[in-house]
Amino acid sequence: MPYATAQDNVKLYYEEAGNGTPILFLHEFAGDYRNWELQMRFFSRRHRCITYSARGYKPSDVPANWKDYTYKHWASDAIAILDHLNIERAHVVGLSMGGFTVVVLGMLYANRLLSLTAAGAGSGSERAHTEEFRKSSRAIADEFEKIGTPEVVKTYGLSPARIPFLVKDPRGFEEFNKMFSEHDAKGCANTMRGFQGERPSLYDFEADIRKIKVPALIVVGDEDEPCLEPSVMLKQWMPASGLVVVPRTGHVVNQEEPAIFNEAVADFIARVEAGRWLARDPRSYRK
């Protein structure tokens, strides 16, 4: 099985397919490397596509200490994958926690990115909900340790922003939660405590986000309410960004609406590679 090694010697399992300009996919909390399969099949026709399981998600290593699961670890892990594969620069696509990480990569490692796509990013970032989100994350971490992943999935998997997936695609939703239920309980608990429970709000990074010059695409479902406001904010702050709002869609936008998602990201990447995705013209701003 192929593994890359992170800065702190954590082994990260990855898979790749296709040839061409590289695209690296970063999954969400409830996902793993398998949740990008619909994108791996589509984009590998023209690109070298890489997906991996984050630390805490088997078959990657599961560090014992929750302090080894910060958002900075996730960002440096993505770079470790690129380094291992001798990839100088890549298009990077992330969902939810992966979307948050993609924004951090834009701030800290812009020289390694051809473009960034942040989908469903920003849960818990709204000022009125940040502390509630952190408190809830710590409580959910305790549940993973007490009752195990399959039992937690029965409630977490039915959170409001995931219901649209259930409504429109029960078979896909069932498959998604089956894979979620297979996750390591300790890895889930540590991710909840370290990444989810401790990460800053995206709003804390305003000054740095405004400096991101990398071409960016923001994607959000219109029924993913915790991410709507942060997505609009990211669009307003990133000078070379565009915003796609997918109707009647919740959090897992890449699997709920794969055709719409793939088309939007493919068009974005094609424009970037053609040199046709530029920073916003100052004349277009409202005076």
C-alpha atoms as a PDB file:
ATOM      1  CA  MET A   1       0.000   0.000   0.000  1.00  0.00           C
ATOM      2  CA  PRO A   2       1.408   3.455  -0.893  1.00  0.00           C
ATOM      3  CA  TYR A   3       2.182   5.845   1.961  1.00  0.00           C
ATOM      4  CA  ALA A   4       3.678   9.305   2.283  1.00  0.00           C
ATOM      5  CA  THR A   5       5.320  10.402   5.538  1.00  0.00           C
ATOM      6  CA  ALA A   6       4.316  13.601   7.323  1.00  0.00           C
ATOM      7  CA  GLN A   7       6.739  15.944   9.092  1.00  0.00           C
ATOM      8  CA  ASP A   8       6.110  14.130  12.403  1.00  0.00           C
ATOM      9  CA  ASN A   9       6.497  10.662  10.810  1.00  0.00           C
ATOM     10  CA  VAL A  10       2.761   9.945  10.561  1.00  0.00           C
ATOM     11  CA  LYS A  11       2.137   7.707   7.558  1.00  0.00           C
ATOM     12  CA  LEU A  12      -0.555   8.868   5.128  1.00  0.00           C
ATOM     13  CA  TYR A  13      -2.230   6.434   2.742  1.00  0.00           C
ATOM     14  CA  TYR A  14      -2.920   7.740  -0.751  1.00  0.00           C
ATOM     15  CA  GLU A  15      -4.167   6.597  -4.139  1.00  0.00           C
ATOM     16  CA  GLU A  16      -3.634   8.152  -7.552  1.00  0.00           C
ATOM     17  CA  ALA A  17      -4.970   7.776 -11.070  1.00  0.00           C
ATOM     18  CA  GLY A  18      -4.442   9.381 -14.466  1.00  0.00           C
ATOM     19  CA  ASN A  19      -1.834  11.619 -16.036  1.00  0.00           C
ATOM     20  CA  GLY A  20      -1.534  15.334 -16.585  1.00  0.00           C
ATOM     21  CA  THR A  21      -1.619  18.402 -14.397  1.00  0.00           C
ATOM     22  CA  PRO A  22      -2.009  17.165 -10.784  1.00  0.00           C
ATOM     23  CA  ILE A  23      -5.128  17.591  -8.648  1.00  0.00           C
ATOM     24  CA  LEU A  24      -4.997  16.802  -4.932  1.00  0.00           C
ATOM     25  CA  PHE A  25      -8.293  16.077  -3.115  1.00  0.00           C
ATOM     26  CA  LEU A  26      -8.781  16.665   0.645  1.00  0.00           C
ATOM     27  CA  HIS A  27     -11.749  15.006   2.355  1.00  0.00           C
ATOM     28  CA  GLU A  28     -14.159  16.136   5.068  1.00  0.00           C
ATOM     29  CA  PHE A  29     -14.587  14.924   8.661  1.00  0.00           C
ATOM     30  CA  ALA A  30     -17.139  12.241   7.807  1.00  0.00           C
ATOM     31  CA  GLY A  31     -15.216  11.134   4.716  1.00  0.00           C
ATOM     32  CA  ASP A  32     -11.922   9.559   3.735  1.00  0.00           C
ATOM     33  CA  TYR A  33      -9.983   8.969   0.535  1.00  0.00           C
ATOM     34  CA  ARG A  34     -12.894   6.958  -0.920  1.00  0.00           C
ATOM     35  CA  ASN A  35     -15.299   9.893  -0.910  1.00  0.00           C
ATOM     36  CA  TRP A  36     -13.622  11.454  -3.947  1.00  0.00           C
ATOM     37  CA  GLU A  37     -14.142   8.400  -6.162  1.00  0.00           C
ATOM     38  CA  LEU A  38     -16.608  10.170  -8.472  1.00  0.00           C
ATOM     39  CA  GLN A  39     -14.038  12.938  -8.963  1.00  0.00           C
ATOM     40  CA  MET A  40     -11.108  10.537  -9.350  1.00  0.00           C
ATOM     41  CA  ARG A  41     -12.889   8.762 -12.191  1.00  0.00           C
ATOM     42  CA  PHE A  42     -13.914  11.975 -13.934  1.00  0.00           C
ATOM     43  CA  PHE A  43     -10.789  14.119 -13.594  1.00  0.00           C
ATOM     44  CA  SER A  44      -8.245  11.320 -14.111  1.00  0.00           C
ATOM     45  CA  ARG A  45      -9.229  11.323 -17.790  1.00  0.00           C
ATOM     46  CA  ARG A  46      -7.178  14.515 -18.150  1.00  0.00           C
ATOM     47  CA  HIS A  47      -5.267  14.955 -14.894  1.00  0.00           C
ATOM     48  CA  ARG A  48      -3.042  13.147 -12.431  1.00  0.00           C
ATOM     49  CA  CYS A  49      -5.434  12.798  -9.474  1.00  0.00           C
ATOM     50  CA  ILE A  50      -4.437  12.059  -5.887  1.00  0.00           C
ATOM     51  CA  THR A  51      -6.686  11.344  -2.929  1.00  0.00           C
ATOM     52  CA  TYR A  52      -5.563  10.385   0.569  1.00  0.00           C
ATOM     53  CA  SER A  53      -6.823   9.618   4.042  1.00  0.00           C
ATOM     54  CA  ALA A  54      -5.919  12.258   6.598  1.00  0.00           C
ATOM     55  CA  ARG A  55      -4.182  11.351   9.830  1.00  0.00           C
ATOM     56  CA  GLY A  56      -6.619   9.501  12.066  1.00  0.00           C
ATOM     57  CA  TYR A  57      -8.358   7.888   9.093  1.00  0.00           C
ATOM     58  CA  LYS A  58      -7.247   4.356   8.311  1.00  0.00           C
ATOM     59  CA  PRO A  59      -5.359   3.041   6.471  1.00  0.00           C
ATOM     60  CA  SER A  60      -3.346   6.159   7.438  1.00  0.00           C
ATOM     61  CA  ASP A  61      -1.809   6.226  10.926  1.00  0.00           C
ATOM     62  CA  VAL A  62      -3.928   7.154  13.947  1.00  0.00           C
ATOM     63  CA  PRO A  63      -1.754   9.247  16.312  1.00  0.00           C
ATOM     64  CA  ALA A  64      -2.681   8.731  19.973  1.00  0.00           C
ATOM     65  CA  ASN A  65      -2.500  12.382  21.084  1.00  0.00           C
ATOM     66  CA  TRP A  66      -5.305  14.722  19.988  1.00  0.00           C
ATOM     67  CA  LYS A  67      -2.817  17.592  19.949  1.00  0.00           C
ATOM     68  CA  ASP A  68      -1.333  16.021  16.805  1.00  0.00           C
ATOM     69  CA  TYR A  69      -4.523  16.815  14.879  1.00  0.00           C
ATOM     70  CA  THR A  70      -4.423  20.591  14.412  1.00  0.00           C
ATOM     71  CA  TYR A  71      -5.402  22.414  11.226  1.00  0.00           C
ATOM     72  CA  LYS A  72      -1.709  23.145  10.709  1.00  0.00           C
ATOM     73  CA  HIS A  73      -0.973  19.404  10.712  1.00  0.00           C
ATOM     74  CA  TRP A  74      -3.596  18.943   7.994  1.00  0.00           C
ATOM     75  CA  ALA A  75      -2.009  21.663   5.865  1.00  0.00           C
ATOM     76  CA  SER A  76       1.538  20.337   6.229  1.00  0.00           C
ATOM     77  CA  ASP A  77       0.270  16.790   5.559  1.00  0.00           C
ATOM     78  CA  ALA A  78      -1.080  17.915   2.185  1.00  0.00           C
ATOM     79  CA  ILE A  79       2.338  19.338   1.344  1.00  0.00           C
ATOM     80  CA  ALA A  80       3.941  16.073   2.484  1.00  0.00           C
ATOM     81  CA  ILE A  81       1.838  14.209  -0.082  1.00  0.00           C
ATOM     82  CA  LEU A  82       2.993  16.576  -2.837  1.00  0.00           C
ATOM     83  CA  ASP A  83       6.611  16.286  -1.725  1.00  0.00           C
ATOM     84  CA  HIS A  84       6.458  12.496  -1.643  1.00  0.00           C
ATOM     85  CA  LEU A  85       5.117  12.429  -5.196  1.00  0.00           C
ATOM     86  CA  ASN A  86       7.639  15.036  -6.402  1.00  0.00           C
ATOM     87  CA  ILE A  87       4.855  17.416  -7.361  1.00  0.00           C
ATOM     88  CA  GLU A  88       5.970  21.030  -7.305  1.00  0.00           C
ATOM     89  CA  ARG A  89       2.502  22.598  -7.756  1.00  0.00           C
ATOM     90  CA  ALA A  90      -1.033  21.231  -7.938  1.00  0.00           C
ATOM     91  CA  HIS A  91      -4.661  22.190  -8.138  1.00  0.00           C
ATOM     92  CA  VAL A  92      -6.024  21.471  -4.654  1.00  0.00           C
ATOM     93  CA  VAL A  93      -9.687  20.660  -3.986  1.00  0.00           C
ATOM     94  CA  GLY A  94     -11.137  20.251  -0.490  1.00  0.00           C
ATOM     95  CA  LEU A  95     -14.513  19.682   1.136  1.00  0.00           C
ATOM     96  CA  SER A  96     -15.478  20.963   4.613  1.00  0.00           C
ATOM     97  CA  MET A  97     -12.400  20.383   6.814  1.00  0.00           C
ATOM     98  CA  GLY A  98     -10.574  19.819   3.558  1.00  0.00           C
ATOM     99  CA  GLY A  99     -11.982  23.114   2.295  1.00  0.00           C
ATOM    100  CA  PHE A 100     -10.782  24.905   5.419  1.00  0.00           C
ATOM    101  CA  THR A 101      -7.370  23.308   4.869  1.00  0.00           C
ATOM    102  CA  VAL A 102      -7.282  24.456   1.250  1.00  0.00           C
ATOM    103  CA  VAL A 103      -7.765  28.055   2.408  1.00  0.00           C
ATOM    104  CA  VAL A 104      -4.936  27.606   4.921  1.00  0.00           C
ATOM    105  CA  LEU A 105      -2.751  26.229   2.122  1.00  0.00           C
ATOM    106  CA  GLY A 106      -3.517  29.376   0.157  1.00  0.00           C
ATOM    107  CA  MET A 107      -2.237  31.445   3.082  1.00  0.00           C
ATOM    108  CA  LEU A 108       0.823  29.377   4.017  1.00  0.00           C
ATOM    109  CA  TYR A 109       1.867  27.497   0.872  1.00  0.00           C
ATOM    110  CA  ALA A 110       0.610  29.556  -2.067  1.00  0.00           C
ATOM    111  CA  ASN A 111       3.757  28.749  -4.048  1.00  0.00           C
ATOM    112  CA  ARG A 112       2.675  25.073  -4.128  1.00  0.00           C
ATOM    113  CA  LEU A 113      -0.788  25.732  -5.563  1.00  0.00           C
ATOM    114  CA  LEU A 114      -1.937  26.128  -9.146  1.00  0.00           C
ATOM    115  CA  SER A 115      -5.427  26.835  -7.849  1.00  0.00           C
ATOM    116  CA  LEU A 116      -7.644  26.116  -4.861  1.00  0.00           C
ATOM    117  CA  THR A 117     -11.233  24.926  -4.632  1.00  0.00           C
ATOM    118  CA  ALA A 118     -12.894  25.228  -1.212  1.00  0.00           C
ATOM    119  CA  ALA A 119     -16.246  23.421  -1.037  1.00  0.00           C
ATOM    120  CA  GLY A 120     -18.546  23.477   1.984  1.00  0.00           C
ATOM    121  CA  ALA A 121     -15.954  25.413   3.968  1.00  0.00           C
ATOM    122  CA  GLY A 122     -16.522  27.421   7.124  1.00  0.00           C
ATOM    123  CA  SER A 123     -18.742  25.431   9.490  1.00  0.00           C
ATOM    124  CA  GLY A 124     -18.451  27.059  12.915  1.00  0.00           C
ATOM    125  CA  SER A 125     -16.840  30.204  11.532  1.00  0.00           C
ATOM    126  CA  GLU A 126     -19.830  32.500  11.972  1.00  0.00           C
ATOM    127  CA  ARG A 127     -19.114  34.612  15.048  1.00  0.00           C
ATOM    128  CA  ALA A 128     -22.458  33.756  16.646  1.00  0.00           C
ATOM    129  CA  HIS A 129     -21.789  30.021  16.395  1.00  0.00           C
ATOM    130  CA  THR A 130     -18.033  29.529  16.911  1.00  0.00           C
ATOM    131  CA  GLU A 131     -18.066  28.689  20.612  1.00  0.00           C
ATOM    132  CA  GLU A 132     -21.132  26.493  20.241  1.00  0.00           C
ATOM    133  CA  PHE A 133     -19.370  24.630  17.414  1.00  0.00           C
ATOM    134  CA  ARG A 134     -16.255  24.050  19.507  1.00  0.00           C
ATOM    135  CA  LYS A 135     -18.270  22.886  22.517  1.00  0.00           C
ATOM    136  CA  SER A 136     -20.289  20.522  20.338  1.00  0.00           C
ATOM    137  CA  SER A 137     -17.096  19.152  18.751  1.00  0.00           C
ATOM    138  CA  ARG A 138     -15.659  18.255  22.139  1.00  0.00           C
ATOM    139  CA  ALA A 139     -18.917  16.579  23.170  1.00  0.00           C
ATOM    140  CA  ILE A 140     -19.013  14.545  19.947  1.00  0.00           C
ATOM    141  CA  ALA A 141     -15.390  13.499  20.556  1.00  0.00           C
ATOM    142  CA  ASP A 142     -16.479  12.032  23.898  1.00  0.00           C
ATOM    143  CA  GLU A 143     -19.305  10.153  22.167  1.00  0.00           C
ATOM    144  CA  PHE A 144     -16.935   8.535  19.686  1.00  0.00           C
ATOM    145  CA  GLU A 145     -14.906   7.149  22.577  1.00  0.00           C
ATOM    146  CA  LYS A 146     -17.894   6.065  24.657  1.00  0.00           C
ATOM    147  CA  ILE A 147     -20.189   4.444  22.099  1.00  0.00           C
ATOM    148  CA  GLY A 148     -18.090   4.002  18.949  1.00  0.00           C
ATOM    149  CA  THR A 149     -18.326   5.282  15.409  1.00  0.00           C
ATOM    150  CA  PRO A 150     -21.339   3.263  14.136  1.00  0.00           C
ATOM    151  CA  GLU A 151     -23.533   4.624  16.929  1.00  0.00           C
ATOM    152  CA  VAL A 152     -22.365   8.228  16.469  1.00  0.00           C
ATOM    153  CA  VAL A 153     -23.053   8.020  12.740  1.00  0.00           C
ATOM    154  CA  LYS A 154     -26.734   7.359  13.480  1.00  0.00           C
ATOM    155  CA  THR A 155     -27.068  10.932  14.761  1.00  0.00           C
ATOM    156  CA  TYR A 156     -24.147  12.859  13.234  1.00  0.00           C
ATOM    157  CA  GLY A 157     -24.979  11.417   9.830  1.00  0.00           C
ATOM    158  CA  LEU A 158     -28.436  12.960  10.066  1.00  0.00           C
ATOM    159  CA  SER A 159     -27.356  16.518  10.859  1.00  0.00           C
ATOM    160  CA  PRO A 160     -29.440  19.145   9.001  1.00  0.00           C
ATOM    161  CA  ALA A 161     -26.940  19.922   6.237  1.00  0.00           C
ATOM    162  CA  ARG A 162     -26.749  16.213   5.336  1.00  0.00           C
ATOM    163  CA  ILE A 163     -30.496  15.653   4.955  1.00  0.00           C
ATOM    164  CA  PRO A 164     -30.614  16.934   1.336  1.00  0.00           C
ATOM    165  CA  PHE A 165     -28.270  14.067   0.382  1.00  0.00           C
ATOM    166  CA  LEU A 166     -30.635  11.562   2.027  1.00  0.00           C
ATOM    167  CA  VAL A 167     -33.677  13.050   0.320  1.00  0.00           C
ATOM    168  CA  LYS A 168     -32.309  13.087  -3.235  1.00  0.00           C
ATOM    169  CA  ASP A 169     -30.071  10.001  -3.190  1.00  0.00           C
ATOM    170  CA  PRO A 170     -30.896   7.441  -0.450  1.00  0.00           C
ATOM    171  CA  ARG A 171     -28.566   4.822  -1.943  1.00  0.00           C
ATOM    172  CA  GLY A 172     -25.641   7.234  -2.121  1.00  0.00           C
ATOM    173  CA  PHE A 173     -26.383   8.482   1.380  1.00  0.00           C
ATOM    174  CA  GLU A 174     -26.473   4.933   2.743  1.00  0.00           C
ATOM    175  CA  GLU A 175     -23.144   4.121   1.102  1.00  0.00           C
ATOM    176  CA  PHE A 176     -21.638   7.339   2.467  1.00  0.00           C
ATOM    177  CA  ASN A 177     -22.670   6.571   6.046  1.00  0.00           C
ATOM    178  CA  LYS A 178     -21.560   2.947   5.743  1.00  0.00           C
ATOM    179  CA  MET A 179     -18.046   4.139   4.954  1.00  0.00           C
ATOM    180  CA  PHE A 180     -18.289   6.737   7.734  1.00  0.00           C
ATOM    181  CA  SER A 181     -19.239   4.027  10.239  1.00  0.00           C
ATOM    182  CA  GLU A 182     -16.003   2.186   9.415  1.00  0.00           C
ATOM    183  CA  HIS A 183     -13.823   5.031  10.692  1.00  0.00           C
ATOM    184  CA  ASP A 184     -11.561   4.542  13.685  1.00  0.00           C
ATOM    185  CA  ALA A 185     -13.298   5.889  16.800  1.00  0.00           C
ATOM    186  CA  LYS A 186     -10.073   7.189  18.352  1.00  0.00           C
ATOM    187  CA  GLY A 187      -9.093   8.933  15.144  1.00  0.00           C
ATOM    188  CA  CYS A 188     -12.532  10.552  14.926  1.00  0.00           C
ATOM    189  CA  ALA A 189     -12.412  11.668  18.559  1.00  0.00           C
ATOM    190  CA  ASN A 190      -8.951  13.145  18.171  1.00  0.00           C
ATOM    191  CA  THR A 191      -9.915  14.945  14.968  1.00  0.00           C
ATOM    192  CA  MET A 192     -12.951  16.413  16.694  1.00  0.00           C
ATOM    193  CA  ARG A 193     -10.872  17.641  19.640  1.00  0.00           C
ATOM    194  CA  GLY A 194      -7.837  18.816  17.720  1.00  0.00           C
ATOM    195  CA  PHE A 195      -9.049  20.113  14.376  1.00  0.00           C
ATOM    196  CA  GLN A 196     -12.722  20.854  14.889  1.00  0.00           C
ATOM    197  CA  GLY A 197     -12.646  21.876  18.529  1.00  0.00           C
ATOM    198  CA  GLU A 198      -9.553  24.078  18.359  1.00  0.00           C
ATOM    199  CA  ARG A 199      -9.373  25.581  14.887  1.00  0.00           C
ATOM    200  CA  PRO A 200      -9.836  29.345  14.518  1.00  0.00           C
ATOM    201  CA  SER A 201     -12.769  30.848  12.698  1.00  0.00           C
ATOM    202  CA  LEU A 202     -12.031  31.641   9.062  1.00  0.00           C
ATOM    203  CA  TYR A 203     -12.991  35.183   9.993  1.00  0.00           C
ATOM    204  CA  ASP A 204      -9.867  35.359  12.184  1.00  0.00           C
ATOM    205  CA  PHE A 205      -7.779  35.112   9.010  1.00  0.00           C
ATOM    206  CA  GLU A 206      -9.328  38.021   7.110  1.00  0.00           C
ATOM    207  CA  ALA A 207      -6.092  39.937   6.567  1.00  0.00           C
ATOM    208  CA  ASP A 208      -4.285  36.822   5.315  1.00  0.00           C
ATOM    209  CA  ILE A 209      -7.176  35.618   3.154  1.00  0.00           C
ATOM    210  CA  ARG A 210      -7.290  38.985   1.403  1.00  0.00           C
ATOM    211  CA  LYS A 211      -3.650  38.411   0.380  1.00  0.00           C
ATOM    212  CA  ILE A 212      -4.349  35.097  -1.368  1.00  0.00           C
ATOM    213  CA  LYS A 213      -3.651  35.666  -5.057  1.00  0.00           C
ATOM    214  CA  VAL A 214      -4.082  32.037  -6.117  1.00  0.00           C
ATOM    215  CA  PRO A 215      -7.053  31.441  -8.451  1.00  0.00           C
ATOM    216  CA  ALA A 216      -9.862  30.201  -6.216  1.00  0.00           C
ATOM    217  CA  LEU A 217     -13.269  28.615  -6.610  1.00  0.00           C
ATOM    218  CA  ILE A 218     -15.732  28.569  -3.715  1.00  0.00           C
ATOM    219  CA  VAL A 219     -18.516  25.962  -3.910  1.00  0.00           C
ATOM    220  CA  VAL A 220     -21.428  25.650  -1.491  1.00  0.00           C
ATOM    221  CA  GLY A 221     -24.848  24.046  -1.409  1.00  0.00           C
ATOM    222  CA  ASP A 222     -27.677  26.478  -0.732  1.00  0.00           C
ATOM    223  CA  GLU A 223     -29.004  24.213   2.048  1.00  0.00           C
ATOM    224  CA  ASP A 224     -25.595  23.993   3.756  1.00  0.00           C
ATOM    225  CA  GLU A 225     -26.551  26.882   6.002  1.00  0.00           C
ATOM    226  CA  PRO A 226     -23.466  26.971   8.282  1.00  0.00           C
ATOM    227  CA  CYS A 227     -21.273  27.435   5.208  1.00  0.00           C
ATOM    228  CA  LEU A 228     -23.304  29.939   3.198  1.00  0.00           C
ATOM    229  CA  GLU A 229     -22.158  33.116   4.925  1.00  0.00           C
ATOM    230  CA  PRO A 230     -18.479  32.011   5.146  1.00  0.00           C
ATOM    231  CA  SER A 231     -18.532  31.107   1.440  1.00  0.00           C
ATOM    232  CA  VAL A 232     -19.790  34.559   0.468  1.00  0.00           C
ATOM    233  CA  MET A 233     -17.142  36.046   2.733  1.00  0.00           C
ATOM    234  CA  LEU A 234     -14.392  34.036   1.043  1.00  0.00           C
ATOM    235  CA  LYS A 235     -15.636  35.233  -2.346  1.00  0.00           C
ATOM    236  CA  GLN A 236     -15.550  38.847  -1.190  1.00  0.00           C
ATOM    237  CA  TRP A 237     -12.099  38.609   0.363  1.00  0.00           C
ATOM    238  CA  MET A 238     -10.177  36.587  -2.246  1.00  0.00           C
ATOM    239  CA  PRO A 239      -9.412  38.822  -5.235  1.00  0.00           C
ATOM    240  CA  ALA A 240      -9.165  35.965  -7.776  1.00  0.00           C
ATOM    241  CA  SER A 241     -12.136  33.915  -6.600  1.00  0.00           C
ATOM    242  CA  GLY A 242     -15.482  32.827  -7.987  1.00  0.00           C
ATOM    243  CA  LEU A 243     -18.533  31.489  -6.160  1.00  0.00           C
ATOM    244  CA  VAL A 244     -20.786  28.595  -7.195  1.00  0.00           C
ATOM    245  CA  VAL A 245     -23.985  28.063  -5.187  1.00  0.00           C
ATOM    246  CA  VAL A 246     -25.614  24.718  -5.966  1.00  0.00           C
ATOM    247  CA  PRO A 247     -29.409  24.752  -5.511  1.00  0.00           C
ATOM    248  CA  ARG A 248     -31.262  22.340  -3.225  1.00  0.00           C
ATOM    249  CA  THR A 249     -27.967  20.890  -2.020  1.00  0.00           C
ATOM    250  CA  GLY A 250     -26.431  20.344   1.395  1.00  0.00           C
ATOM    251  CA  HIS A 251     -22.944  19.790   2.735  1.00  0.00           C
ATOM    252  CA  VAL A 252     -21.610  16.854   0.716  1.00  0.00           C
ATOM    253  CA  VAL A 253     -21.832  18.767  -2.542  1.00  0.00           C
ATOM    254  CA  ASN A 254     -19.294  16.676  -4.497  1.00  0.00           C
ATOM    255  CA  GLN A 255     -21.340  13.501  -3.970  1.00  0.00           C
ATOM    256  CA  GLU A 256     -24.828  15.002  -3.860  1.00  0.00           C
ATOM    257  CA  GLU A 257     -24.407  16.723  -7.215  1.00  0.00           C
ATOM    258  CA  PRO A 258     -21.299  15.206  -8.813  1.00  0.00           C
ATOM    259  CA  ALA A 259     -22.146  16.294 -12.350  1.00  0.00           C
ATOM    260  CA  ILE A 260     -22.616  19.947 -11.359  1.00  0.00           C
ATOM    261  CA  PHE A 261     -19.568  19.890  -9.086  1.00  0.00           C
ATOM    262  CA  ASN A 262     -17.310  18.222 -11.646  1.00  0.00           C
ATOM    263  CA  GLU A 263     -18.395  20.537 -14.439  1.00  0.00           C
ATOM    264  CA  ALA A 264     -17.824  23.649 -12.330  1.00  0.00           C
ATOM    265  CA  VAL A 265     -14.392  22.557 -11.120  1.00  0.00           C
ATOM    266  CA  ALA A 266     -13.326  21.326 -14.570  1.00  0.00           C
ATOM    267  CA  ASP A 267     -14.292  24.636 -16.179  1.00  0.00           C
ATOM    268  CA  PHE A 268     -12.476  26.534 -13.430  1.00  0.00           C
ATOM    269  CA  ILE A 269      -9.278  24.510 -13.819  1.00  0.00           C
ATOM    270  CA  ALA A 270      -9.405  24.830 -17.615  1.00  0.00           C
ATOM    271  CA  ARG A 271      -9.705  28.611 -17.338  1.00  0.00           C
ATOM    272  CA  VAL A 272      -6.832  28.740 -14.853  1.00  0.00           C
ATOM    273  CA  GLU A 273      -4.605  26.684 -17.129  1.00  0.00           C
ATOM    274  CA  ALA A 274      -5.532  28.884 -20.091  1.00  0.00           C
ATOM    275  CA  GLY A 275      -4.590  31.995 -18.125  1.00  0.00           C
ATOM    276  CA  ARG A 276      -8.193  33.181 -18.237  1.00  0.00           C
ATOM    277  CA  TRP A 277      -9.030  33.217 -14.503  1.00  0.00           C
ATOM    278  CA  LEU A 278      -7.817  36.595 -13.368  1.00  0.00           C
ATOM    279  CA  ALA A 279      -8.206  38.764 -10.314  1.00  0.00           C
ATOM    280  CA  ARG A 280     -11.438  40.747 -10.195  1.00  0.00           C
ATOM    281  CA  ASP A 281     -11.385  43.929 -12.225  1.00  0.00           C
ATOM    282  CA  PRO A 282     -11.447  46.888  -9.794  1.00  0.00           C
ATOM    283  CA  ARG A 283     -14.116  48.537 -11.955  1.00  0.00           C
ATOM    284  CA  SER A 284     -16.583  45.791 -10.994  1.00  0.00           C
ATOM    285  CA  TYR A 285     -16.653  46.705  -7.324  1.00  0.00           C
ATOM    286  CA  ARG A 286     -19.580  48.687  -6.006  1.00  0.00           C
ATOM    287  CA  LYS A 287     -18.504  52.197  -5.102  1.00  0.00           C
END
